[in-house]
Amino acid sequence: MKPGHLASELKSTWTISGLAALVISIIGELIASPPTLWPEAGDQPVIITFLVTVIVAAFLCSIVAGRNPKRHVTFAWIVPLGLIFTFAYFVGCAQFSCPFMGSRMAIGWTYLPNATDYIAKHPGLSCSFLIGDFIGRTDNIWPRNQIYVTWVSLFAVYIGAVTLLAMTVVRVMQHLRDQDNRFE
């Protein structure tokens, strides 16, 4: 393989990886963005979530895309793993976040004493109404460390799902490109 061809191949791989990571990150943010924390913790700017996702996805996609032999083997584990991560993200979000004011907020699993008392006085209260009654202060309902663990876990699974989906797109694009090159 000529050095110029290798450089062209690497540039093409990075271009495909970057493009796939960018597109899938935009779609992921529109469809199911990660939950937020309590108001005083500050909202994570969407741009930071987006940039972290794009950087991780582009980096991992380029690593996988750079391996030419046995592409079908990698594709065979990327798709099921991507589906598992996507399913885990949606199930995790449903279990460990609650809708509030147009977004989802990360929650814990053990109520603080004041929240336990409040729930006892108001049985059957949904998670969203509970957060609303506490004015969005999830840290007054669940311990902060549990909320952080939930948020970090959901964010990591979200990045994994988006990255694996981007890797799938990279593999499909490489396969199509290789099919075009075969007819030249």
N, C-alpha and C. Protein backbone atom coordinates (compact mmCIF):
# COMPACT_ATOMS: atom_id res chain seq x y z
N MET A 1 0.85 -1.17 0.00
CA MET A 1 0.00 0.00 0.00
C MET A 1 0.89 1.23 0.00
N LYS A 2 0.59 2.16 -0.87
CA LYS A 2 1.37 3.38 -1.00
C LYS A 2 1.11 4.30 0.19
N PRO A 3 2.14 5.09 0.62
CA PRO A 3 1.95 6.02 1.73
C PRO A 3 0.83 7.03 1.46
N GLY A 4 0.70 7.51 0.26
CA GLY A 4 -0.36 8.46 -0.09
C GLY A 4 -1.74 7.84 0.04
N HIS A 5 -1.85 6.57 -0.35
CA HIS A 5 -3.13 5.86 -0.24
C HIS A 5 -3.50 5.64 1.22
N LEU A 6 -2.49 5.32 2.05
CA LEU A 6 -2.73 5.12 3.48
C LEU A 6 -3.22 6.42 4.12
N ALA A 7 -2.59 7.54 3.79
CA ALA A 7 -3.01 8.83 4.34
C ALA A 7 -4.43 9.17 3.88
N SER A 8 -4.73 8.87 2.63
CA SER A 8 -6.08 9.11 2.11
C SER A 8 -7.10 8.24 2.82
N GLU A 9 -6.74 6.98 3.08
CA GLU A 9 -7.63 6.05 3.79
C GLU A 9 -7.89 6.53 5.21
N LEU A 10 -6.82 6.97 5.91
CA LEU A 10 -6.98 7.47 7.28
C LEU A 10 -7.84 8.73 7.31
N LYS A 11 -7.61 9.63 6.36
CA LYS A 11 -8.41 10.86 6.29
C LYS A 11 -9.87 10.52 6.03
N SER A 12 -10.11 9.57 5.16
CA SER A 12 -11.48 9.14 4.85
C SER A 12 -12.13 8.51 6.08
N THR A 13 -11.38 7.70 6.81
CA THR A 13 -11.89 7.06 8.02
C THR A 13 -12.27 8.11 9.06
N TRP A 14 -11.40 9.08 9.28
CA TRP A 14 -11.69 10.14 10.25
C TRP A 14 -12.89 10.98 9.80
N THR A 15 -12.99 11.25 8.52
CA THR A 15 -14.12 12.03 8.01
C THR A 15 -15.43 11.29 8.23
N ILE A 16 -15.45 10.02 7.87
CA ILE A 16 -16.66 9.21 8.07
C ILE A 16 -17.00 9.13 9.55
N SER A 17 -16.00 8.87 10.39
CA SER A 17 -16.23 8.75 11.83
C SER A 17 -16.76 10.04 12.42
N GLY A 18 -16.13 11.15 12.07
CA GLY A 18 -16.57 12.45 12.57
C GLY A 18 -17.97 12.80 12.13
N LEU A 19 -18.27 12.55 10.87
CA LEU A 19 -19.60 12.84 10.34
C LEU A 19 -20.66 11.97 11.01
N ALA A 20 -20.38 10.69 11.15
CA ALA A 20 -21.34 9.79 11.81
C ALA A 20 -21.55 10.19 13.26
N ALA A 21 -20.47 10.51 13.96
CA ALA A 21 -20.58 10.91 15.37
C ALA A 21 -21.39 12.19 15.50
N LEU A 22 -21.17 13.14 14.62
CA LEU A 22 -21.89 14.41 14.66
C LEU A 22 -23.38 14.21 14.41
N VAL A 23 -23.71 13.49 13.36
CA VAL A 23 -25.12 13.28 13.00
C VAL A 23 -25.85 12.48 14.08
N ILE A 24 -25.25 11.39 14.53
CA ILE A 24 -25.90 10.55 15.54
C ILE A 24 -26.03 11.31 16.86
N SER A 25 -25.05 12.13 17.21
CA SER A 25 -25.14 12.93 18.44
C SER A 25 -26.27 13.93 18.38
N ILE A 26 -26.46 14.55 17.23
CA ILE A 26 -27.58 15.50 17.07
C ILE A 26 -28.90 14.76 17.21
N ILE A 27 -29.02 13.62 16.54
CA ILE A 27 -30.25 12.84 16.61
C ILE A 27 -30.49 12.37 18.05
N GLY A 28 -29.44 11.88 18.71
CA GLY A 28 -29.57 11.41 20.09
C GLY A 28 -30.03 12.51 21.03
N GLU A 29 -29.49 13.70 20.85
CA GLU A 29 -29.88 14.83 21.71
C GLU A 29 -31.33 15.22 21.47
N LEU A 30 -31.79 15.12 20.23
CA LEU A 30 -33.17 15.47 19.92
C LEU A 30 -34.15 14.42 20.43
N ILE A 31 -33.79 13.15 20.34
CA ILE A 31 -34.70 12.07 20.71
C ILE A 31 -34.74 11.83 22.22
N ALA A 32 -33.59 11.72 22.83
CA ALA A 32 -33.55 11.36 24.25
C ALA A 32 -32.30 11.89 24.91
N SER A 33 -32.32 13.14 25.31
CA SER A 33 -31.14 13.69 25.97
C SER A 33 -31.06 13.19 27.41
N PRO A 34 -29.86 13.17 27.98
CA PRO A 34 -29.70 12.69 29.35
C PRO A 34 -30.46 13.57 30.35
N PRO A 35 -30.81 13.01 31.51
CA PRO A 35 -31.54 13.80 32.51
C PRO A 35 -30.67 14.90 33.12
N THR A 36 -31.32 15.80 33.85
CA THR A 36 -30.61 16.91 34.48
C THR A 36 -30.53 16.67 35.99
N LEU A 37 -29.84 17.58 36.67
CA LEU A 37 -29.74 17.54 38.12
C LEU A 37 -30.69 18.57 38.71
N TRP A 38 -30.64 18.77 40.01
CA TRP A 38 -31.50 19.76 40.65
C TRP A 38 -31.07 21.16 40.23
N PRO A 39 -31.97 22.15 40.33
CA PRO A 39 -31.69 23.50 39.80
C PRO A 39 -30.42 24.16 40.33
N GLU A 40 -30.14 24.05 41.62
CA GLU A 40 -28.95 24.70 42.17
C GLU A 40 -27.65 24.05 41.70
N ALA A 41 -27.73 22.81 41.26
CA ALA A 41 -26.54 22.15 40.73
C ALA A 41 -26.20 22.72 39.36
N GLY A 42 -27.15 23.42 38.78
CA GLY A 42 -26.93 24.01 37.47
C GLY A 42 -27.23 23.02 36.38
N ASP A 43 -27.88 23.49 35.36
CA ASP A 43 -28.13 22.64 34.21
C ASP A 43 -26.84 22.42 33.47
N GLN A 44 -26.67 21.19 33.01
CA GLN A 44 -25.53 20.92 32.16
C GLN A 44 -25.86 21.54 30.81
N PRO A 45 -25.02 22.44 30.33
CA PRO A 45 -25.31 23.00 29.02
C PRO A 45 -25.39 21.89 27.96
N VAL A 46 -26.38 21.98 27.11
CA VAL A 46 -26.57 20.98 26.06
C VAL A 46 -25.32 20.85 25.21
N ILE A 47 -24.62 21.96 25.01
CA ILE A 47 -23.43 21.92 24.16
C ILE A 47 -22.34 21.03 24.77
N ILE A 48 -22.23 21.00 26.11
CA ILE A 48 -21.22 20.15 26.74
C ILE A 48 -21.57 18.68 26.55
N THR A 49 -22.83 18.33 26.78
CA THR A 49 -23.27 16.96 26.55
C THR A 49 -23.02 16.57 25.11
N PHE A 50 -23.37 17.46 24.19
CA PHE A 50 -23.19 17.22 22.76
C PHE A 50 -21.71 17.04 22.42
N LEU A 51 -20.85 17.93 22.91
CA LEU A 51 -19.42 17.85 22.59
C LEU A 51 -18.78 16.59 23.16
N VAL A 52 -19.10 16.25 24.40
CA VAL A 52 -18.55 15.03 24.99
C VAL A 52 -18.97 13.82 24.16
N THR A 53 -20.23 13.78 23.79
CA THR A 53 -20.74 12.66 23.00
C THR A 53 -20.04 12.58 21.65
N VAL A 54 -19.91 13.72 20.96
CA VAL A 54 -19.26 13.74 19.64
C VAL A 54 -17.80 13.32 19.77
N ILE A 55 -17.09 13.83 20.77
CA ILE A 55 -15.67 13.51 20.91
C ILE A 55 -15.48 12.02 21.18
N VAL A 56 -16.22 11.48 22.14
CA VAL A 56 -16.09 10.06 22.46
C VAL A 56 -16.49 9.20 21.26
N ALA A 57 -17.61 9.53 20.63
CA ALA A 57 -18.08 8.74 19.49
C ALA A 57 -17.08 8.81 18.32
N ALA A 58 -16.59 9.99 18.01
CA ALA A 58 -15.65 10.13 16.89
C ALA A 58 -14.35 9.38 17.18
N PHE A 59 -13.87 9.48 18.41
CA PHE A 59 -12.63 8.79 18.78
C PHE A 59 -12.78 7.28 18.66
N LEU A 60 -13.83 6.73 19.28
CA LEU A 60 -14.02 5.28 19.24
C LEU A 60 -14.38 4.78 17.84
N CYS A 61 -15.16 5.58 17.11
CA CYS A 61 -15.50 5.18 15.73
C CYS A 61 -14.25 5.11 14.86
N SER A 62 -13.35 6.07 15.02
CA SER A 62 -12.15 6.08 14.19
C SER A 62 -11.24 4.91 14.54
N ILE A 63 -11.20 4.52 15.81
CA ILE A 63 -10.40 3.36 16.20
C ILE A 63 -10.95 2.10 15.55
N VAL A 64 -12.27 1.91 15.67
CA VAL A 64 -12.90 0.72 15.08
C VAL A 64 -12.83 0.77 13.56
N ALA A 65 -13.04 1.95 12.98
CA ALA A 65 -13.05 2.08 11.53
C ALA A 65 -11.67 1.83 10.93
N GLY A 66 -10.62 2.03 11.72
CA GLY A 66 -9.27 1.85 11.21
C GLY A 66 -8.87 0.40 11.07
N ARG A 67 -9.64 -0.49 11.62
CA ARG A 67 -9.32 -1.92 11.54
C ARG A 67 -10.02 -2.53 10.33
N ASN A 68 -9.27 -2.85 9.31
CA ASN A 68 -9.87 -3.36 8.08
C ASN A 68 -10.23 -4.84 8.10
N PRO A 69 -9.40 -5.71 8.64
CA PRO A 69 -9.73 -7.13 8.54
C PRO A 69 -10.97 -7.50 9.36
N LYS A 70 -11.72 -8.38 8.78
CA LYS A 70 -12.89 -8.96 9.46
C LYS A 70 -13.87 -7.89 9.94
N ARG A 71 -14.25 -6.98 9.07
CA ARG A 71 -15.22 -5.95 9.45
C ARG A 71 -16.56 -6.54 9.88
N HIS A 72 -16.95 -7.63 9.23
CA HIS A 72 -18.24 -8.23 9.55
C HIS A 72 -18.28 -8.75 10.99
N VAL A 73 -17.12 -9.18 11.53
CA VAL A 73 -17.08 -9.67 12.91
C VAL A 73 -17.36 -8.51 13.86
N THR A 74 -16.73 -7.36 13.63
CA THR A 74 -16.97 -6.22 14.51
C THR A 74 -18.40 -5.73 14.37
N PHE A 75 -18.91 -5.74 13.17
CA PHE A 75 -20.28 -5.33 12.94
C PHE A 75 -21.24 -6.25 13.69
N ALA A 76 -20.88 -7.52 13.76
CA ALA A 76 -21.74 -8.50 14.42
C ALA A 76 -21.86 -8.26 15.92
N TRP A 77 -20.86 -7.64 16.54
CA TRP A 77 -21.00 -7.34 17.97
C TRP A 77 -21.41 -5.90 18.22
N ILE A 78 -21.17 -5.00 17.28
CA ILE A 78 -21.53 -3.59 17.48
C ILE A 78 -23.05 -3.42 17.50
N VAL A 79 -23.75 -4.03 16.58
CA VAL A 79 -25.21 -3.86 16.49
C VAL A 79 -25.93 -4.40 17.73
N PRO A 80 -25.69 -5.65 18.16
CA PRO A 80 -26.38 -6.11 19.37
C PRO A 80 -26.00 -5.31 20.61
N LEU A 81 -24.73 -4.96 20.73
CA LEU A 81 -24.29 -4.16 21.86
C LEU A 81 -24.94 -2.78 21.85
N GLY A 82 -25.06 -2.20 20.66
CA GLY A 82 -25.74 -0.91 20.53
C GLY A 82 -27.20 -1.00 20.94
N LEU A 83 -27.86 -2.07 20.54
CA LEU A 83 -29.26 -2.27 20.93
C LEU A 83 -29.39 -2.47 22.44
N ILE A 84 -28.46 -3.20 23.03
CA ILE A 84 -28.48 -3.42 24.48
C ILE A 84 -28.30 -2.10 25.22
N PHE A 85 -27.33 -1.29 24.78
CA PHE A 85 -27.09 0.01 25.43
C PHE A 85 -28.30 0.93 25.26
N THR A 86 -28.88 0.95 24.08
CA THR A 86 -30.05 1.80 23.85
C THR A 86 -31.21 1.36 24.73
N PHE A 87 -31.47 0.08 24.78
CA PHE A 87 -32.54 -0.45 25.63
C PHE A 87 -32.25 -0.13 27.10
N ALA A 88 -31.00 -0.34 27.53
CA ALA A 88 -30.62 -0.07 28.92
C ALA A 88 -30.79 1.42 29.25
N TYR A 89 -30.48 2.28 28.29
CA TYR A 89 -30.64 3.72 28.54
C TYR A 89 -32.11 4.08 28.75
N PHE A 90 -32.98 3.60 27.88
CA PHE A 90 -34.40 3.94 28.01
C PHE A 90 -35.02 3.33 29.26
N VAL A 91 -34.64 2.10 29.60
CA VAL A 91 -35.14 1.48 30.83
C VAL A 91 -34.59 2.23 32.05
N GLY A 92 -33.30 2.54 32.03
CA GLY A 92 -32.70 3.29 33.13
C GLY A 92 -33.32 4.66 33.32
N CYS A 93 -33.59 5.33 32.21
CA CYS A 93 -34.25 6.65 32.29
C CYS A 93 -35.65 6.53 32.86
N ALA A 94 -36.35 5.50 32.46
CA ALA A 94 -37.71 5.31 32.96
C ALA A 94 -37.70 5.02 34.46
N GLN A 95 -36.67 4.33 34.93
CA GLN A 95 -36.61 3.94 36.34
C GLN A 95 -35.96 5.00 37.23
N PHE A 96 -34.97 5.73 36.72
CA PHE A 96 -34.17 6.60 37.56
C PHE A 96 -34.16 8.06 37.13
N SER A 97 -35.22 8.48 36.47
CA SER A 97 -35.41 9.90 36.18
C SER A 97 -36.92 10.15 36.07
N CYS A 98 -37.28 11.40 36.30
CA CYS A 98 -38.70 11.75 36.26
C CYS A 98 -38.89 12.98 35.38
N PRO A 99 -39.99 13.02 34.63
CA PRO A 99 -40.25 14.22 33.83
C PRO A 99 -40.62 15.39 34.75
N PHE A 100 -40.04 16.54 34.44
CA PHE A 100 -40.36 17.76 35.19
C PHE A 100 -40.02 18.97 34.32
N MET A 101 -41.01 19.79 34.08
CA MET A 101 -40.85 21.04 33.34
C MET A 101 -40.15 20.85 31.99
N GLY A 102 -40.59 19.89 31.23
CA GLY A 102 -40.08 19.72 29.87
C GLY A 102 -38.80 18.93 29.73
N SER A 103 -38.23 18.45 30.83
CA SER A 103 -37.03 17.61 30.73
C SER A 103 -37.15 16.51 31.77
N ARG A 104 -36.14 15.68 31.83
CA ARG A 104 -36.13 14.61 32.84
C ARG A 104 -35.07 14.95 33.87
N MET A 105 -35.35 14.64 35.12
CA MET A 105 -34.42 14.90 36.20
C MET A 105 -33.97 13.58 36.81
N ALA A 106 -32.66 13.46 37.06
CA ALA A 106 -32.12 12.27 37.70
C ALA A 106 -32.62 12.21 39.14
N ILE A 107 -32.90 10.99 39.59
CA ILE A 107 -33.40 10.80 40.95
C ILE A 107 -32.54 9.76 41.66
N GLY A 108 -32.79 9.58 42.96
CA GLY A 108 -32.11 8.55 43.73
C GLY A 108 -33.03 7.37 43.96
N TRP A 109 -32.67 6.51 44.90
CA TRP A 109 -33.49 5.33 45.16
C TRP A 109 -33.93 5.25 46.63
N THR A 110 -33.39 6.12 47.49
CA THR A 110 -33.79 6.14 48.89
C THR A 110 -34.23 7.56 49.25
N TYR A 111 -35.45 7.69 49.76
CA TYR A 111 -35.96 9.01 50.11
C TYR A 111 -35.28 9.55 51.37
N LEU A 112 -35.10 10.85 51.41
CA LEU A 112 -34.65 11.53 52.62
C LEU A 112 -35.82 11.55 53.62
N PRO A 113 -35.54 11.73 54.91
CA PRO A 113 -36.62 11.69 55.91
C PRO A 113 -37.75 12.68 55.64
N ASN A 114 -37.44 13.91 55.25
CA ASN A 114 -38.51 14.89 55.00
C ASN A 114 -39.37 14.48 53.80
N ALA A 115 -38.77 13.84 52.81
CA ALA A 115 -39.54 13.36 51.66
C ALA A 115 -40.39 12.16 52.05
N THR A 116 -39.86 11.29 52.90
CA THR A 116 -40.62 10.14 53.38
C THR A 116 -41.87 10.60 54.13
N ASP A 117 -41.70 11.61 54.98
CA ASP A 117 -42.85 12.16 55.72
C ASP A 117 -43.87 12.77 54.76
N TYR A 118 -43.38 13.49 53.78
CA TYR A 118 -44.27 14.14 52.81
C TYR A 118 -45.06 13.11 52.01
N ILE A 119 -44.39 12.05 51.60
CA ILE A 119 -45.05 10.98 50.83
C ILE A 119 -46.10 10.27 51.69
N ALA A 120 -45.78 10.08 52.97
CA ALA A 120 -46.74 9.44 53.88
C ALA A 120 -48.02 10.27 54.01
N LYS A 121 -47.87 11.59 53.96
CA LYS A 121 -49.03 12.48 54.07
C LYS A 121 -49.79 12.60 52.75
N HIS A 122 -49.11 12.29 51.65
CA HIS A 122 -49.71 12.42 50.31
C HIS A 122 -49.51 11.11 49.54
N PRO A 123 -50.21 10.05 49.92
CA PRO A 123 -50.01 8.76 49.23
C PRO A 123 -50.46 8.83 47.77
N GLY A 124 -49.79 8.04 46.96
CA GLY A 124 -50.15 7.96 45.54
C GLY A 124 -49.61 9.11 44.70
N LEU A 125 -48.73 9.88 45.26
CA LEU A 125 -48.16 11.03 44.55
C LEU A 125 -47.16 10.54 43.50
N SER A 126 -47.31 10.99 42.28
CA SER A 126 -46.37 10.57 41.23
C SER A 126 -45.04 11.27 41.42
N CYS A 127 -44.03 10.71 40.80
CA CYS A 127 -42.67 11.25 40.87
C CYS A 127 -42.64 12.70 40.38
N SER A 128 -43.30 12.98 39.27
CA SER A 128 -43.31 14.34 38.71
C SER A 128 -43.96 15.33 39.66
N PHE A 129 -45.09 14.94 40.27
CA PHE A 129 -45.76 15.84 41.21
C PHE A 129 -44.93 16.02 42.48
N LEU A 130 -44.25 14.96 42.90
CA LEU A 130 -43.38 15.06 44.06
C LEU A 130 -42.27 16.08 43.81
N ILE A 131 -41.63 15.98 42.66
CA ILE A 131 -40.58 16.94 42.32
C ILE A 131 -41.17 18.34 42.21
N GLY A 132 -42.36 18.45 41.64
CA GLY A 132 -43.03 19.75 41.54
C GLY A 132 -43.33 20.34 42.91
N ASP A 133 -43.78 19.50 43.84
CA ASP A 133 -44.08 19.98 45.19
C ASP A 133 -42.81 20.43 45.92
N PHE A 134 -41.68 19.87 45.54
CA PHE A 134 -40.40 20.29 46.12
C PHE A 134 -39.70 21.33 45.22
N ILE A 135 -40.43 21.91 44.31
CA ILE A 135 -39.98 22.97 43.40
C ILE A 135 -38.72 22.57 42.63
N GLY A 136 -38.69 21.33 42.19
CA GLY A 136 -37.57 20.86 41.38
C GLY A 136 -36.33 20.50 42.17
N ARG A 137 -36.38 20.63 43.47
CA ARG A 137 -35.21 20.36 44.32
C ARG A 137 -35.12 18.86 44.63
N THR A 138 -34.67 18.11 43.67
CA THR A 138 -34.55 16.66 43.87
C THR A 138 -33.57 16.33 44.99
N ASP A 139 -32.65 17.24 45.28
CA ASP A 139 -31.69 17.00 46.36
C ASP A 139 -32.35 17.13 47.74
N ASN A 140 -33.59 17.58 47.79
CA ASN A 140 -34.35 17.59 49.04
C ASN A 140 -35.23 16.34 49.16
N ILE A 141 -35.24 15.53 48.11
CA ILE A 141 -36.05 14.31 48.09
C ILE A 141 -35.15 13.07 48.22
N TRP A 142 -34.05 13.06 47.49
CA TRP A 142 -33.10 11.94 47.48
C TRP A 142 -31.72 12.47 47.83
N PRO A 143 -30.84 11.62 48.38
CA PRO A 143 -29.47 12.06 48.67
C PRO A 143 -28.74 12.47 47.39
N ARG A 144 -27.95 13.52 47.51
CA ARG A 144 -27.20 14.02 46.33
C ARG A 144 -26.29 12.96 45.73
N ASN A 145 -25.63 12.19 46.58
CA ASN A 145 -24.71 11.18 46.03
C ASN A 145 -25.46 10.16 45.18
N GLN A 146 -26.69 9.80 45.55
CA GLN A 146 -27.49 8.87 44.74
C GLN A 146 -27.89 9.53 43.42
N ILE A 147 -28.22 10.80 43.46
CA ILE A 147 -28.59 11.51 42.23
C ILE A 147 -27.39 11.59 41.29
N TYR A 148 -26.21 11.87 41.85
CA TYR A 148 -25.00 11.91 41.03
C TYR A 148 -24.70 10.55 40.40
N VAL A 149 -24.81 9.49 41.20
CA VAL A 149 -24.55 8.14 40.68
C VAL A 149 -25.52 7.83 39.54
N THR A 150 -26.79 8.15 39.74
CA THR A 150 -27.79 7.92 38.70
C THR A 150 -27.47 8.72 37.45
N TRP A 151 -27.16 10.00 37.64
CA TRP A 151 -26.90 10.87 36.49
C TRP A 151 -25.67 10.39 35.71
N VAL A 152 -24.58 10.10 36.42
CA VAL A 152 -23.35 9.66 35.75
C VAL A 152 -23.59 8.32 35.03
N SER A 153 -24.31 7.42 35.68
CA SER A 153 -24.59 6.11 35.06
C SER A 153 -25.42 6.27 33.79
N LEU A 154 -26.49 7.06 33.88
CA LEU A 154 -27.33 7.27 32.69
C LEU A 154 -26.56 7.98 31.59
N PHE A 155 -25.73 8.95 31.96
CA PHE A 155 -24.94 9.67 30.97
C PHE A 155 -23.94 8.73 30.28
N ALA A 156 -23.30 7.85 31.05
CA ALA A 156 -22.35 6.90 30.47
C ALA A 156 -23.05 5.92 29.53
N VAL A 157 -24.20 5.43 29.92
CA VAL A 157 -24.95 4.51 29.05
C VAL A 157 -25.43 5.25 27.80
N TYR A 158 -25.84 6.51 27.95
CA TYR A 158 -26.26 7.34 26.82
C TYR A 158 -25.11 7.49 25.82
N ILE A 159 -23.93 7.83 26.32
CA ILE A 159 -22.77 7.99 25.43
C ILE A 159 -22.43 6.65 24.76
N GLY A 160 -22.53 5.56 25.51
CA GLY A 160 -22.29 4.25 24.92
C GLY A 160 -23.28 3.93 23.81
N ALA A 161 -24.55 4.22 24.04
CA ALA A 161 -25.58 3.95 23.01
C ALA A 161 -25.34 4.79 21.76
N VAL A 162 -25.08 6.07 21.95
CA VAL A 162 -24.85 6.95 20.80
C VAL A 162 -23.59 6.54 20.06
N THR A 163 -22.54 6.21 20.80
CA THR A 163 -21.28 5.80 20.17
C THR A 163 -21.44 4.51 19.37
N LEU A 164 -22.11 3.54 19.95
CA LEU A 164 -22.29 2.27 19.23
C LEU A 164 -23.18 2.45 18.00
N LEU A 165 -24.17 3.31 18.09
CA LEU A 165 -24.99 3.61 16.92
C LEU A 165 -24.15 4.30 15.84
N ALA A 166 -23.29 5.22 16.26
CA ALA A 166 -22.40 5.89 15.30
C ALA A 166 -21.43 4.88 14.67
N MET A 167 -20.92 3.94 15.48
CA MET A 167 -20.03 2.91 14.94
C MET A 167 -20.74 2.06 13.90
N THR A 168 -22.00 1.77 14.15
CA THR A 168 -22.79 1.00 13.18
C THR A 168 -22.90 1.77 11.87
N VAL A 169 -23.18 3.06 11.97
CA VAL A 169 -23.28 3.89 10.77
C VAL A 169 -21.95 3.92 10.03
N VAL A 170 -20.84 4.03 10.77
CA VAL A 170 -19.51 4.05 10.14
C VAL A 170 -19.28 2.75 9.39
N ARG A 171 -19.61 1.62 10.01
CA ARG A 171 -19.43 0.33 9.35
C ARG A 171 -20.29 0.22 8.08
N VAL A 172 -21.51 0.67 8.16
CA VAL A 172 -22.39 0.62 6.98
C VAL A 172 -21.82 1.52 5.87
N MET A 173 -21.36 2.71 6.24
CA MET A 173 -20.79 3.62 5.23
C MET A 173 -19.52 3.03 4.62
N GLN A 174 -18.68 2.40 5.45
CA GLN A 174 -17.47 1.76 4.92
C GLN A 174 -17.83 0.62 3.98
N HIS A 175 -18.82 -0.15 4.36
CA HIS A 175 -19.24 -1.26 3.51
C HIS A 175 -19.74 -0.74 2.16
N LEU A 176 -20.54 0.31 2.19
CA LEU A 176 -21.03 0.89 0.93
C LEU A 176 -19.89 1.46 0.10
N ARG A 177 -18.93 2.11 0.77
CA ARG A 177 -17.77 2.66 0.06
C ARG A 177 -16.95 1.54 -0.56
N ASP A 178 -16.75 0.45 0.17
CA ASP A 178 -16.00 -0.69 -0.36
C ASP A 178 -16.72 -1.33 -1.53
N GLN A 179 -18.05 -1.38 -1.49
CA GLN A 179 -18.82 -1.92 -2.61
C GLN A 179 -18.63 -1.04 -3.85
N ASP A 180 -18.60 0.30 -3.66
CA ASP A 180 -18.36 1.21 -4.79
C ASP A 180 -16.97 1.01 -5.35
N ASN A 181 -15.95 0.84 -4.47
CA ASN A 181 -14.58 0.68 -4.91
C ASN A 181 -14.38 -0.64 -5.63
N ARG A 182 -15.17 -1.65 -5.34
CA ARG A 182 -15.04 -2.96 -5.97
C ARG A 182 -15.40 -2.89 -7.45
N PHE A 183 -16.28 -1.97 -7.82
CA PHE A 183 -16.72 -1.87 -9.22
C PHE A 183 -15.84 -0.93 -10.05
N GLU A 184 -14.84 -0.31 -9.42
CA GLU A 184 -13.98 0.61 -10.18
C GLU A 184 -12.92 -0.13 -10.95
